Amino acid sequence: MLPAISTIPLRQMASGDLLSLQVYKFIGAYPGKKVYIQSNLHGAEIVGNAVIHQLIEFLLRLNDTDLTGEIWLVPVCNPMGTNQRSHIFSSGRYCVYEAKDWNRIFWDYEKVADDLLAFAKSQINLDLNLVRKNYLSLIQEKFSQLLDQINSPSSVPYTERFRYQLQSISLDADYLIDIHSATNQGINYLYYFRNREDSAKHFLLNYGILLDTYDGDAFDEAFIKPWLALEDCFAQLGRKITFDVEAWTLELGKGMQMIPDSVEKGVLGVKNYLVQKDIIQISGFTLHNSTSNEMTFKIRSNVKKYYAPAGGMIQSRVELGSSVQAGQRVYQILSFNKEGKLPTVIDVCAEQDGLVYDVSTNYAVNEGEYVIGIV
C-alpha cells in the first residue's frame, strides 16, 4: 500500500528558504476511523521520527484491504525546533523569539465555545455518532475563523500560524498519538486521559501517567479537552457517555537520542494499538493480550520535581526507573564555594515514595535547576 504524500508550507525564512511539513496518508479500502500520529514537536525529542519511519515501512507492506480507515503520519512536525542548536546541543523546546514552549501554544475550543451545556441539552436523545458529528462541525467552524486573522494585514505571530497547520490536519481525527521523549533522560511511558485506561494498555508500556489536571494548551490536551468537557455536560444531564476519541503522548527514552529499545517499544505499542482498535488487520501478527499487561498507573498531580538547593555537581544519584521511599537519599550535591571554606556534600532525600521517571542530563547544576522527577 502506497501513501498519498502531501507537503504543507510552514514558514518562509529571511534567507528565502521555506520550511515545510510532509504528511504520509495511508487510506484503507474500507471507511473507518482516522488515526493521526506526529513526532518531534520538541526539537531534541527525535525518537518518534524513527518510530514513524518504521511504521511507514510496515504499512508499505500491507494491502489497502488490511486497513480500515486512515492513518496520517507527520514526522519532524516542528522543523524550527528540530533545527535549533546551541553549539552541538539540540534544544528546541521553546520558540525563543516568542519565549513559548512549542507544546503550550495550541488552540482549545472549550475556551471559546458557546454554552456547552445548552448544546448537550439539544443533543441529549441523539445517537452518540450523530452527537460527535454535530459537535465536530461546531469545533471546525470556530477553528476556521482563525484563518481570517492569519490572513489579515496585521497577521499573527508564527506560533499561531504553526499551531493552525498542525491542528488543521488533526482536528477531525478519532485517535491522536503525539510521540515525545524526555528532554533529559526518561523511562518509556505514556500520558493519558480519564476513562482510557483499557486503551492505554494496548501500547504495552509499563507505566502510564493520568493527566488529571490540564489547561488545554498542549497538543494532546487541546485535541481531547473539548470532548471531555462535553462528556461532563452530558453527565450533568444524567447521561453517562464516553466518546470514542483518544489522545496519547508517548514518552520514549532520552532527548537527542534514538535509543533502539525505546524505538522498538514505540513501534510495537503503536502497531498493537492499531490492531486492537480494528484499524489494521494483519495475518500472522501476534496480538498481545493488553488486558493482562501489567501496567502501573500514576497521577500527574502526584509528580514531584526536585530542584538543586545549591549549585554544584550531582553525584550518587539513584538510577532512572528505580523505586524510592520517603526519606531515602536520591542524590548528593558536591558544592564548592568562594568563601575560603572546604567543599561540602549535601544529601537530598525523597519527600514521598515513588518512581524515578526522569532525571537531568547535565550533572552540573546551578542553584534552582532541575535534577530529578519522582511520581
Protein backbone atom coordinates (compact mmCIF):
# COMPACT_ATOMS: atom_id res chain seq x y z
CA MET A 1 0.00 0.00 0.00
CA LEU A 2 1.42 3.36 -1.05
CA PRO A 3 0.64 6.55 0.87
CA ALA A 4 -0.60 9.80 -0.53
CA ILE A 5 2.18 12.26 0.29
CA SER A 6 1.45 15.95 0.69
CA THR A 7 3.76 18.82 1.55
CA ILE A 8 2.46 21.77 3.57
CA PRO A 9 4.43 25.04 3.54
CA LEU A 10 5.08 26.30 7.07
CA ARG A 11 7.38 29.29 7.10
CA GLN A 12 9.49 31.38 4.77
CA MET A 13 12.79 32.34 6.38
CA ALA A 14 14.63 35.63 5.97
CA SER A 15 17.03 33.83 3.64
CA GLY A 16 14.16 32.89 1.36
CA ASP A 17 14.30 29.21 2.35
CA LEU A 18 10.96 27.52 3.01
CA LEU A 19 10.21 25.20 5.95
CA SER A 20 7.50 22.62 5.34
CA LEU A 21 5.64 19.65 6.78
CA GLN A 22 5.30 16.35 4.96
CA VAL A 23 2.25 14.19 5.62
CA TYR A 24 2.02 10.48 4.73
CA LYS A 25 -1.62 9.41 4.38
CA PHE A 26 -2.39 5.70 4.25
CA ILE A 27 -6.01 5.28 3.16
CA GLY A 28 -7.68 1.91 3.62
CA ALA A 29 -10.06 0.16 1.28
CA TYR A 30 -12.84 0.50 3.85
CA PRO A 31 -14.04 3.66 5.61
CA GLY A 32 -13.41 3.94 9.32
CA LYS A 33 -11.53 5.84 11.99
CA LYS A 34 -8.77 8.39 11.39
CA VAL A 35 -5.50 8.00 13.30
CA TYR A 36 -3.11 10.94 13.44
CA ILE A 37 0.50 10.35 14.55
CA GLN A 38 3.21 13.01 14.78
CA SER A 39 6.72 13.27 16.18
CA ASN A 40 9.43 15.78 17.11
CA LEU A 41 7.23 18.63 18.34
CA HIS A 42 10.06 19.43 20.75
CA GLY A 43 13.27 19.78 18.79
CA ALA A 44 15.52 17.50 20.84
CA GLU A 45 12.95 14.71 21.08
CA ILE A 46 13.76 12.85 17.88
CA VAL A 47 12.96 9.22 18.76
CA GLY A 48 9.48 9.42 17.26
CA ASN A 49 10.94 10.02 13.82
CA ALA A 50 12.44 6.52 13.87
CA VAL A 51 9.12 5.11 15.13
CA ILE A 52 7.22 6.77 12.28
CA HIS A 53 9.79 5.64 9.72
CA GLN A 54 9.36 2.03 10.80
CA LEU A 55 5.58 2.41 10.77
CA ILE A 56 5.76 3.72 7.20
CA GLU A 57 7.88 0.73 6.16
CA PHE A 58 5.42 -1.57 7.90
CA LEU A 59 2.37 -0.02 6.23
CA LEU A 60 4.04 -0.17 2.81
CA ARG A 61 3.99 -3.97 3.09
CA LEU A 62 0.24 -4.11 3.73
CA ASN A 63 -2.61 -4.15 1.24
CA ASP A 64 -5.23 -1.43 1.37
CA THR A 65 -7.74 -4.13 2.35
CA ASP A 66 -5.73 -4.61 5.56
CA LEU A 67 -6.56 -1.06 6.65
CA THR A 68 -9.96 0.18 7.78
CA GLY A 69 -9.98 3.97 7.92
CA GLU A 70 -6.85 6.03 7.50
CA ILE A 71 -3.54 6.71 9.20
CA TRP A 72 -1.81 10.08 8.85
CA LEU A 73 1.86 10.26 9.83
CA VAL A 74 3.79 13.51 10.31
CA PRO A 75 7.47 13.06 11.23
CA VAL A 76 9.66 16.06 12.10
CA CYS A 77 6.49 18.08 12.69
CA ASN A 78 8.37 21.14 14.01
CA PRO A 79 11.35 21.95 11.75
CA MET A 80 12.01 25.20 13.61
CA GLY A 81 12.57 23.31 16.86
CA THR A 82 14.41 20.39 15.24
CA ASN A 83 16.99 22.70 13.62
CA GLN A 84 17.63 24.78 16.74
CA ARG A 85 21.13 24.43 18.18
CA SER A 86 23.31 25.79 20.94
CA HIS A 87 26.82 24.71 19.99
CA ILE A 88 26.48 20.93 19.49
CA PHE A 89 23.38 20.61 21.64
CA SER A 90 19.87 20.44 20.27
CA SER A 91 17.29 22.10 22.47
CA GLY A 92 14.24 23.23 20.53
CA ARG A 93 11.81 23.09 23.43
CA TYR A 94 10.92 26.76 23.11
CA CYS A 95 10.20 29.22 20.38
CA VAL A 96 12.95 31.54 21.54
CA TYR A 97 11.60 34.51 19.58
CA GLU A 98 8.28 34.39 21.45
CA ALA A 99 9.60 32.68 24.63
CA LYS A 100 6.93 29.94 24.40
CA ASP A 101 7.08 26.18 24.85
CA TRP A 102 6.26 24.61 21.48
CA ASN A 103 3.82 22.29 23.24
CA ARG A 104 1.96 25.02 25.12
CA ILE A 105 0.63 27.06 22.21
CA PHE A 106 -2.40 25.16 20.94
CA TRP A 107 -5.98 26.29 20.38
CA ASP A 108 -8.58 24.87 22.76
CA TYR A 109 -12.19 25.02 21.59
CA GLU A 110 -13.58 24.78 25.11
CA LYS A 111 -12.10 28.17 25.97
CA VAL A 112 -14.03 29.91 23.17
CA ALA A 113 -17.13 27.70 22.96
CA ASP A 114 -20.63 28.99 23.43
CA ASP A 115 -22.81 27.35 26.10
CA LEU A 116 -21.74 23.68 26.02
CA LEU A 117 -24.46 22.66 28.45
CA ALA A 118 -27.09 24.09 26.12
CA PHE A 119 -25.57 22.17 23.24
CA ALA A 120 -25.61 18.96 25.29
CA LYS A 121 -29.29 19.53 26.09
CA SER A 122 -30.05 19.84 22.37
CA GLN A 123 -28.30 16.51 21.74
CA ILE A 124 -29.39 14.58 24.82
CA ASN A 125 -31.52 11.99 22.99
CA LEU A 126 -29.44 11.65 19.83
CA ASP A 127 -27.27 8.74 18.78
CA LEU A 128 -23.69 9.15 20.01
CA ASN A 129 -22.24 9.08 16.48
CA LEU A 130 -24.56 11.89 15.44
CA VAL A 131 -23.62 13.90 18.53
CA ARG A 132 -19.95 13.50 17.60
CA LYS A 133 -20.62 14.65 14.05
CA ASN A 134 -22.58 17.70 15.17
CA TYR A 135 -20.01 18.69 17.81
CA LEU A 136 -17.06 18.27 15.45
CA SER A 137 -18.83 20.58 12.98
CA LEU A 138 -19.07 23.23 15.70
CA ILE A 139 -15.37 22.87 16.55
CA GLN A 140 -14.30 23.07 12.91
CA GLU A 141 -16.49 26.09 12.24
CA LYS A 142 -14.97 28.02 15.14
CA PHE A 143 -11.46 26.86 14.22
CA SER A 144 -11.83 28.06 10.62
CA GLN A 145 -12.32 31.61 11.91
CA LEU A 146 -8.66 31.67 12.98
CA LEU A 147 -7.68 31.85 9.33
CA ASP A 148 -9.26 35.29 8.98
CA GLN A 149 -6.80 36.79 11.46
CA ILE A 150 -3.87 34.86 9.98
CA ASN A 151 -4.64 36.30 6.54
CA SER A 152 -5.36 39.83 7.79
CA PRO A 153 -2.86 42.66 7.16
CA SER A 154 -1.72 42.55 10.82
CA SER A 155 -1.47 38.72 10.75
CA VAL A 156 -0.36 36.74 13.83
CA PRO A 157 2.88 35.51 15.49
CA TYR A 158 4.47 32.41 13.97
CA THR A 159 3.41 30.06 16.79
CA GLU A 160 -0.22 30.77 15.88
CA ARG A 161 0.44 30.04 12.22
CA PHE A 162 2.26 26.85 13.18
CA ARG A 163 -0.45 25.57 15.50
CA TYR A 164 -3.08 26.25 12.83
CA GLN A 165 -1.29 23.99 10.36
CA LEU A 166 -0.88 21.10 12.81
CA GLN A 167 -4.39 21.33 14.20
CA SER A 168 -6.00 21.73 10.79
CA ILE A 169 -4.80 18.25 9.78
CA SER A 170 -5.53 16.56 13.12
CA LEU A 171 -8.73 18.16 14.39
CA ASP A 172 -11.03 15.54 12.82
CA ALA A 173 -9.00 12.52 13.99
CA ASP A 174 -10.53 9.86 16.22
CA TYR A 175 -7.22 8.78 17.75
CA LEU A 176 -4.23 11.09 18.15
CA ILE A 177 -0.70 9.98 19.08
CA ASP A 178 2.00 12.58 19.80
CA ILE A 179 5.44 10.97 20.21
CA HIS A 180 7.89 12.68 22.55
CA SER A 181 10.82 11.70 24.71
CA ALA A 182 12.29 13.18 27.84
CA THR A 183 14.13 16.42 27.23
CA ASN A 184 16.61 14.94 29.71
CA GLN A 185 16.66 11.17 30.40
CA GLY A 186 13.42 9.32 30.98
CA ILE A 187 11.76 5.93 31.14
CA ASN A 188 9.28 4.76 28.50
CA TYR A 189 5.71 5.69 29.47
CA LEU A 190 2.63 7.47 28.21
CA TYR A 191 0.31 10.26 29.26
CA TYR A 192 -3.40 9.50 29.07
CA PHE A 193 -6.79 10.98 29.97
CA ARG A 194 -9.61 9.72 32.17
CA ASN A 195 -11.58 6.58 31.33
CA ARG A 196 -9.00 5.46 28.78
CA GLU A 197 -7.00 3.00 30.94
CA ASP A 198 -8.07 -0.06 28.95
CA SER A 199 -6.89 1.51 25.70
CA ALA A 200 -3.67 2.67 27.37
CA LYS A 201 -2.74 -0.96 27.95
CA HIS A 202 -2.73 -1.58 24.20
CA PHE A 203 0.59 0.28 23.96
CA LEU A 204 2.27 -2.44 26.06
CA LEU A 205 4.27 0.03 28.16
CA ASN A 206 4.92 -0.49 31.86
CA TYR A 207 3.78 2.93 33.04
CA GLY A 208 1.01 5.41 32.33
CA ILE A 209 0.51 8.84 33.90
CA LEU A 210 -3.04 10.19 34.12
CA LEU A 211 -3.36 13.85 33.17
CA ASP A 212 -5.82 14.69 35.93
CA THR A 213 -5.15 18.42 35.57
CA TYR A 214 -4.66 20.21 32.26
CA ASP A 215 -5.18 23.67 30.76
CA GLY A 216 -5.68 22.70 27.12
CA ASP A 217 -2.54 24.36 25.76
CA ALA A 218 -0.65 21.13 24.97
CA PHE A 219 -1.29 19.33 21.69
CA ASP A 220 -2.98 16.25 23.17
CA GLU A 221 -4.93 18.35 25.68
CA ALA A 222 -6.26 20.78 23.07
CA PHE A 223 -7.45 17.83 20.99
CA ILE A 224 -9.37 15.89 23.65
CA LYS A 225 -10.31 18.56 26.21
CA PRO A 226 -13.46 19.72 24.35
CA TRP A 227 -14.70 16.10 24.21
CA LEU A 228 -14.06 15.57 27.91
CA ALA A 229 -15.93 18.81 28.62
CA LEU A 230 -18.93 17.63 26.61
CA GLU A 231 -18.88 14.31 28.47
CA ASP A 232 -19.10 16.33 31.70
CA CYS A 233 -22.10 18.25 30.37
CA PHE A 234 -23.92 15.04 29.47
CA ALA A 235 -23.14 13.66 32.94
CA GLN A 236 -24.78 16.75 34.50
CA LEU A 237 -27.87 15.93 32.45
CA GLY A 238 -27.90 12.32 33.63
CA ARG A 239 -26.47 10.66 30.52
CA LYS A 240 -23.13 8.94 31.07
CA ILE A 241 -21.15 8.72 27.82
CA THR A 242 -17.56 8.29 26.69
CA PHE A 243 -16.73 9.34 23.16
CA ASP A 244 -14.54 7.02 21.11
CA VAL A 245 -11.95 9.80 20.93
CA GLU A 246 -8.49 9.27 22.39
CA ALA A 247 -5.30 11.28 22.70
CA TRP A 248 -1.92 9.93 23.77
CA THR A 249 1.51 11.32 24.35
CA LEU A 250 4.16 8.61 24.23
CA GLU A 251 7.35 9.46 26.13
CA LEU A 252 10.13 7.27 24.77
CA GLY A 253 13.65 7.46 26.16
CA LYS A 254 16.08 10.37 26.04
CA GLY A 255 16.37 13.66 24.23
CA MET A 256 18.81 13.92 21.28
CA GLN A 257 18.94 10.11 21.01
CA MET A 258 17.07 7.36 19.20
CA ILE A 259 17.55 4.50 21.65
CA PRO A 260 16.80 1.19 19.89
CA ASP A 261 14.86 -0.23 22.85
CA SER A 262 12.61 2.87 23.02
CA VAL A 263 12.06 2.81 19.26
CA GLU A 264 11.18 -0.89 19.38
CA LYS A 265 8.72 -0.41 22.23
CA GLY A 266 7.13 2.54 20.45
CA VAL A 267 6.68 0.69 17.17
CA LEU A 268 5.30 -2.45 18.82
CA GLY A 269 2.94 -0.45 21.01
CA VAL A 270 1.50 1.61 18.15
CA LYS A 271 1.07 -1.49 15.97
CA ASN A 272 -0.73 -3.31 18.76
CA TYR A 273 -2.93 -0.27 19.42
CA LEU A 274 -3.91 -0.10 15.74
CA VAL A 275 -4.77 -3.81 15.69
CA GLN A 276 -6.73 -3.63 18.94
CA LYS A 277 -8.70 -0.69 17.56
CA ASP A 278 -9.51 -2.65 14.37
CA ILE A 279 -7.69 -0.10 12.22
CA ILE A 280 -5.40 -2.71 10.69
CA GLN A 281 -5.86 -6.46 10.23
CA ILE A 282 -2.60 -8.36 9.94
CA SER A 283 -2.35 -12.06 9.32
CA GLY A 284 0.39 -13.57 11.44
CA PHE A 285 0.66 -10.57 13.78
CA THR A 286 0.94 -11.70 17.38
CA LEU A 287 -1.84 -9.84 19.12
CA HIS A 288 -0.75 -9.08 22.65
CA ASN A 289 -3.23 -9.60 25.45
CA SER A 290 -3.44 -6.00 26.58
CA THR A 291 -5.84 -6.72 29.42
CA SER A 292 -3.21 -8.87 31.11
CA ASN A 293 -0.43 -6.35 30.51
CA GLU A 294 0.91 -5.31 33.91
CA MET A 295 0.77 -1.55 33.58
CA THR A 296 1.26 0.74 36.54
CA PHE A 297 -0.84 3.91 36.51
CA LYS A 298 0.27 7.09 38.22
CA ILE A 299 -1.33 10.51 38.58
CA ARG A 300 0.23 13.66 37.13
CA SER A 301 -0.63 15.80 40.15
CA ASN A 302 1.49 13.44 42.29
CA VAL A 303 4.64 14.19 40.29
CA LYS A 304 7.34 15.76 42.44
CA LYS A 305 10.21 17.54 40.72
CA TYR A 306 13.38 18.20 42.68
CA TYR A 307 15.48 21.31 42.09
CA ALA A 308 19.03 21.86 43.31
CA PRO A 309 19.11 23.62 46.73
CA ALA A 310 22.64 24.77 45.93
CA GLY A 311 24.96 24.94 42.95
CA GLY A 312 27.43 22.12 42.37
CA MET A 313 27.92 18.68 40.86
CA ILE A 314 25.40 15.83 41.12
CA GLN A 315 26.70 12.53 42.46
CA SER A 316 25.32 9.31 43.97
CA ARG A 317 22.01 9.78 42.21
CA VAL A 318 19.52 6.92 42.25
CA GLU A 319 19.02 5.07 38.97
CA LEU A 320 16.41 6.07 36.44
CA GLY A 321 13.42 3.74 36.74
CA SER A 322 14.11 2.79 40.35
CA SER A 323 11.59 2.93 43.19
CA VAL A 324 12.39 5.09 46.20
CA GLN A 325 10.92 5.50 49.66
CA ALA A 326 10.27 8.67 51.61
CA GLY A 327 13.42 9.70 53.46
CA GLN A 328 15.75 7.79 51.14
CA ARG A 329 18.66 9.75 49.69
CA VAL A 330 18.03 10.30 45.99
CA TYR A 331 21.15 12.30 45.13
CA GLN A 332 24.01 14.37 46.52
CA ILE A 333 25.37 17.75 45.51
CA LEU A 334 29.10 18.30 45.71
CA SER A 335 29.02 22.05 46.37
CA PHE A 336 32.00 24.37 46.00
CA ASN A 337 32.31 27.92 47.29
CA LYS A 338 34.36 31.07 47.01
CA GLU A 339 34.33 31.85 50.72
CA GLY A 340 37.61 30.24 51.79
CA LYS A 341 35.79 27.13 53.02
CA LEU A 342 36.10 23.45 52.15
CA PRO A 343 33.65 21.94 49.64
CA THR A 344 30.50 20.42 51.15
CA VAL A 345 28.36 17.43 50.23
CA ILE A 346 24.61 17.92 50.51
CA ASP A 347 22.24 14.94 50.73
CA VAL A 348 18.82 15.34 49.14
CA CYS A 349 16.15 12.86 50.27
CA ALA A 350 12.81 11.83 48.80
CA GLU A 351 9.75 13.56 50.22
CA GLN A 352 7.48 10.65 49.23
CA ASP A 353 7.53 7.10 47.91
CA GLY A 354 7.59 6.87 44.15
CA LEU A 355 9.17 6.00 40.82
CA VAL A 356 12.14 7.87 39.37
CA TYR A 357 10.77 8.57 35.89
CA ASP A 358 13.00 11.43 34.71
CA VAL A 359 16.49 12.74 35.53
CA SER A 360 18.61 15.63 34.30
CA THR A 361 21.24 15.01 31.64
CA ASN A 362 23.68 17.57 32.99
CA TYR A 363 25.37 16.61 36.25
CA ALA A 364 26.47 20.20 36.87
CA VAL A 365 23.65 22.36 38.24
CA ASN A 366 23.15 25.91 39.32
CA GLU A 367 21.02 26.54 42.37
CA GLY A 368 17.35 26.07 41.46
CA GLU A 369 17.93 23.89 38.39
CA TYR A 370 16.10 20.62 37.76
CA VAL A 371 17.70 17.37 38.96
CA ILE A 372 15.16 14.55 39.22
CA GLY A 373 11.47 13.72 38.84
CA ILE A 374 9.59 11.22 41.02
CA VAL A 375 5.97 10.12 40.61
